[in-house]
N, C-alpha and C. Protein backbone atom coordinates (compact mmCIF):
# COMPACT_ATOMS: atom_id res chain seq x y z
N UNK A 1 0.57 -1.07 0.06
CA UNK A 1 0.17 0.01 -0.15
C UNK A 1 1.39 1.25 0.06
N UNK A 2 0.09 2.21 -0.65
CA UNK A 2 0.93 3.37 -1.04
C UNK A 2 0.57 4.33 0.71
N UNK A 3 1.50 4.59 1.27
CA UNK A 3 1.17 5.46 2.21
C UNK A 3 1.70 7.10 1.79
N UNK A 4 0.66 7.74 2.47
CA UNK A 4 0.90 9.38 2.34
C UNK A 4 1.61 10.21 3.12
N UNK A 5 2.64 10.83 2.39
CA UNK A 5 3.73 11.41 3.01
C UNK A 5 3.49 11.81 4.62
N UNK A 6 2.72 12.38 4.99
CA UNK A 6 2.35 12.68 6.14
C UNK A 6 2.17 11.48 7.41
N UNK A 7 1.68 10.55 6.99
CA UNK A 7 1.32 9.18 7.61
C UNK A 7 2.85 8.68 8.08
N UNK A 8 3.82 8.83 6.89
CA UNK A 8 4.91 8.06 6.58
C UNK A 8 5.90 8.98 8.28
N UNK A 9 5.63 10.43 8.24
CA UNK A 9 6.18 11.04 9.04
C UNK A 9 5.66 11.37 10.41
N UNK A 10 4.31 11.43 10.60
CA UNK A 10 3.35 12.10 11.53
C UNK A 10 3.30 10.70 11.99
N UNK A 11 3.54 9.94 13.52
CA UNK A 11 2.53 8.75 14.07
C UNK A 11 1.14 9.08 14.20
N UNK A 12 0.73 10.06 14.13
CA UNK A 12 -0.66 10.61 14.74
C UNK A 12 -1.44 10.68 13.36
N UNK A 13 -1.09 10.38 12.50
CA UNK A 13 -1.98 10.38 10.76
C UNK A 13 -2.05 9.04 10.76
N UNK A 14 -3.33 8.44 10.30
CA UNK A 14 -3.60 7.01 9.98
C UNK A 14 -4.31 7.54 8.53
N UNK A 15 -4.06 6.08 7.65
CA UNK A 15 -4.79 6.04 7.03
C UNK A 15 -5.68 4.60 6.54
N UNK A 16 -5.91 4.69 5.56
CA UNK A 16 -7.04 2.96 5.75
C UNK A 16 -7.07 3.08 4.02
N UNK A 17 -6.90 1.21 4.14
CA UNK A 17 -7.37 0.93 3.02
C UNK A 17 -8.68 0.82 2.43
N UNK A 18 -9.21 1.23 1.37
CA UNK A 18 -10.55 1.91 0.85
C UNK A 18 -10.59 0.87 -0.30
N UNK A 19 -11.54 0.04 -0.69
CA UNK A 19 -12.06 -0.64 -1.57
C UNK A 19 -12.84 0.32 -2.24
N UNK A 20 -12.06 0.92 -3.47
CA UNK A 20 -13.11 1.99 -4.20
C UNK A 20 -14.63 1.14 -4.85
N UNK A 21 -14.63 -0.15 -5.31
CA UNK A 21 -15.80 -0.53 -6.01
C UNK A 21 -16.37 -0.72 -4.88
N UNK A 22 -16.50 -0.98 -3.75
CA UNK A 22 -17.46 -1.39 -2.44
C UNK A 22 -17.86 0.11 -2.25
N UNK A 23 -17.23 0.95 -2.06
CA UNK A 23 -17.14 2.61 -1.69
C UNK A 23 -18.42 3.03 -2.82
N UNK A 24 -18.30 2.75 -4.42
CA UNK A 24 -19.23 3.37 -5.24
C UNK A 24 -19.91 2.77 -5.39
N UNK A 25 -20.59 1.31 -4.95
CA UNK A 25 -21.71 0.54 -4.81
C UNK A 25 -22.59 0.90 -3.88
N UNK A 26 -22.06 1.95 -2.75
CA UNK A 26 -22.99 2.08 -1.64
C UNK A 26 -22.81 3.68 -1.32
N UNK A 27 -22.46 4.06 -2.35
CA UNK A 27 -22.78 5.92 -2.63
C UNK A 27 -24.15 6.14 -3.27
N UNK A 28 -24.70 7.30 -2.48
CA UNK A 28 -26.12 7.22 -3.03
C UNK A 28 -26.09 8.96 -4.03
N UNK A 29 -27.24 8.91 -4.10
CA UNK A 29 -27.54 10.46 -4.94
C UNK A 29 -28.39 11.37 -3.58
N UNK A 30 -28.55 11.13 -2.42
CA UNK A 30 -29.66 11.67 -1.66
C UNK A 30 -28.80 13.20 -1.83
N UNK A 31 -29.99 14.31 -1.83
CA UNK A 31 -29.53 15.44 -1.34
C UNK A 31 -30.50 16.06 -0.74
N UNK A 32 -30.54 16.45 0.29
CA UNK A 32 -31.46 17.10 1.38
C UNK A 32 -31.91 18.04 0.86
N UNK A 33 -33.54 18.26 0.88
CA UNK A 33 -34.20 19.21 0.53
C UNK A 33 -33.79 20.41 1.04
N UNK A 34 -33.54 21.77 1.20
CA UNK A 34 -33.02 22.56 2.07
C UNK A 34 -33.86 24.07 1.85
N UNK A 35 -34.57 24.31 2.82
CA UNK A 35 -35.99 25.53 2.53
C UNK A 35 -35.11 26.46 1.63
N UNK A 36 -35.89 27.67 1.02
CA UNK A 36 -35.31 28.66 0.51
C UNK A 36 -34.98 29.72 1.78
N UNK A 37 -34.09 30.71 2.32
CA UNK A 37 -34.19 31.44 2.92
C UNK A 37 -34.65 32.69 2.14
N UNK A 38 -35.54 33.68 3.64
CA UNK A 38 -35.84 34.99 3.56
C UNK A 38 -35.43 35.94 2.81
N UNK A 39 -35.76 36.46 2.74
CA UNK A 39 -35.52 37.42 2.05
C UNK A 39 -34.91 38.77 3.02
N UNK A 40 -33.67 39.25 2.62
CA UNK A 40 -32.77 40.46 3.73
C UNK A 40 -33.66 41.39 3.75
N UNK A 41 -33.99 42.00 5.21
CA UNK A 41 -34.44 43.28 5.13
C UNK A 41 -33.86 44.60 4.67
N UNK A 42 -34.40 45.42 3.74
CA UNK A 42 -34.07 46.40 2.83
C UNK A 42 -33.16 47.42 4.22
N UNK A 43 -33.04 47.57 5.46
CA UNK A 43 -32.55 48.42 5.83
C UNK A 43 -30.96 47.64 6.21
N UNK A 44 -30.92 46.20 6.17
CA UNK A 44 -29.68 45.37 6.60
C UNK A 44 -28.83 45.15 5.34
N UNK A 45 -29.06 45.95 4.20
CA UNK A 45 -28.71 45.22 2.84
C UNK A 45 -27.36 46.66 2.79
N UNK A 46 -26.33 46.43 2.53
CA UNK A 46 -24.93 47.10 1.77
C UNK A 46 -25.65 48.23 1.16
N UNK A 47 -24.99 49.50 1.33
CA UNK A 47 -25.14 50.38 0.04
C UNK A 47 -24.83 50.33 -1.29
N UNK A 48 -25.19 51.51 -2.16
CA UNK A 48 -23.90 50.62 -3.04
C UNK A 48 -23.00 51.67 -2.62
N UNK A 49 -22.89 52.71 -1.99
CA UNK A 49 -21.70 53.11 -2.04
C UNK A 49 -21.02 52.06 -1.12
N UNK A 50 -21.09 51.45 -0.22
CA UNK A 50 -20.13 50.57 0.53
C UNK A 50 -19.87 49.58 -0.34
N UNK A 51 -20.75 49.11 -1.37
CA UNK A 51 -19.83 48.00 -1.87
C UNK A 51 -19.37 48.36 -2.86
N UNK A 52 -19.50 49.60 -3.11
CA UNK A 52 -17.84 50.17 -4.77
C UNK A 52 -16.91 50.38 -3.82
N UNK A 53 -16.78 50.94 -2.62
CA UNK A 53 -15.12 51.17 -1.65
C UNK A 53 -14.73 49.81 -1.53
N UNK A 54 -15.76 48.61 -0.91
CA UNK A 54 -15.62 47.50 -0.47
C UNK A 54 -14.58 46.68 -1.61
N UNK A 55 -15.24 46.64 -3.16
CA UNK A 55 -14.66 46.36 -3.96
C UNK A 55 -13.41 46.97 -4.43
N UNK A 56 -13.38 48.33 -4.50
CA UNK A 56 -12.22 49.20 -4.81
C UNK A 56 -11.04 48.64 -3.76
N UNK A 57 -11.22 48.29 -2.47
CA UNK A 57 -10.32 48.11 -1.53
C UNK A 57 -9.63 46.51 -1.71
N UNK A 58 -11.04 45.77 -1.89
CA UNK A 58 -10.67 44.58 -2.15
C UNK A 58 -9.69 44.29 -3.55
N UNK A 59 -9.57 45.23 -4.84
CA UNK A 59 -8.93 44.57 -6.08
C UNK A 59 -7.55 45.41 -5.74
N UNK A 60 -7.52 46.55 -4.64
CA UNK A 60 -6.01 46.99 -4.50
C UNK A 60 -5.35 45.74 -3.66
N UNK A 61 -6.17 45.09 -2.78
CA UNK A 61 -5.64 44.43 -2.06
C UNK A 61 -4.85 42.66 -2.67
N UNK A 62 -5.79 42.52 -3.87
CA UNK A 62 -5.74 41.11 -4.87
C UNK A 62 -4.26 41.95 -5.76
N UNK A 63 -3.80 42.92 -6.11
CA UNK A 63 -2.86 43.83 -6.75
C UNK A 63 -1.72 43.23 -6.13
N UNK A 64 -1.98 43.68 -5.13
CA UNK A 64 -0.66 43.86 -3.63
C UNK A 64 -0.61 42.63 -3.65
N UNK A 65 -1.20 41.86 -3.58
CA UNK A 65 -0.98 40.35 -3.22
C UNK A 65 -0.28 39.11 -4.14
N UNK A 66 -0.68 40.02 -5.50
CA UNK A 66 -0.29 38.92 -7.10
C UNK A 66 0.67 40.12 -7.14
N UNK A 67 1.23 41.21 -6.83
CA UNK A 67 2.90 41.99 -7.22
C UNK A 67 4.12 41.40 -5.64
N UNK A 68 3.54 40.51 -4.67
CA UNK A 68 3.81 40.00 -3.69
C UNK A 68 4.71 38.52 -4.59
N UNK A 69 4.05 37.82 -4.76
CA UNK A 69 3.67 36.18 -5.33
C UNK A 69 4.42 36.13 -6.75
N UNK A 70 4.82 37.54 -7.36
CA UNK A 70 5.19 37.49 -8.72
C UNK A 70 7.19 36.91 -8.64
């Protein structure tokens, strides 16, 4: 069995032998029915100005991160 890098070096990491054929046979397509959430109250919604400032700040941050990692 091929062990993971972490399992070889860390005693607390455990691995399991998984038979993929058995696992795939037991797999279901169940998806719970999650009810829609209610609409947000108007006074709790962000203003257009707030969204614009937030997006501008986020864009600046992304540009700085990109410059650091290049």
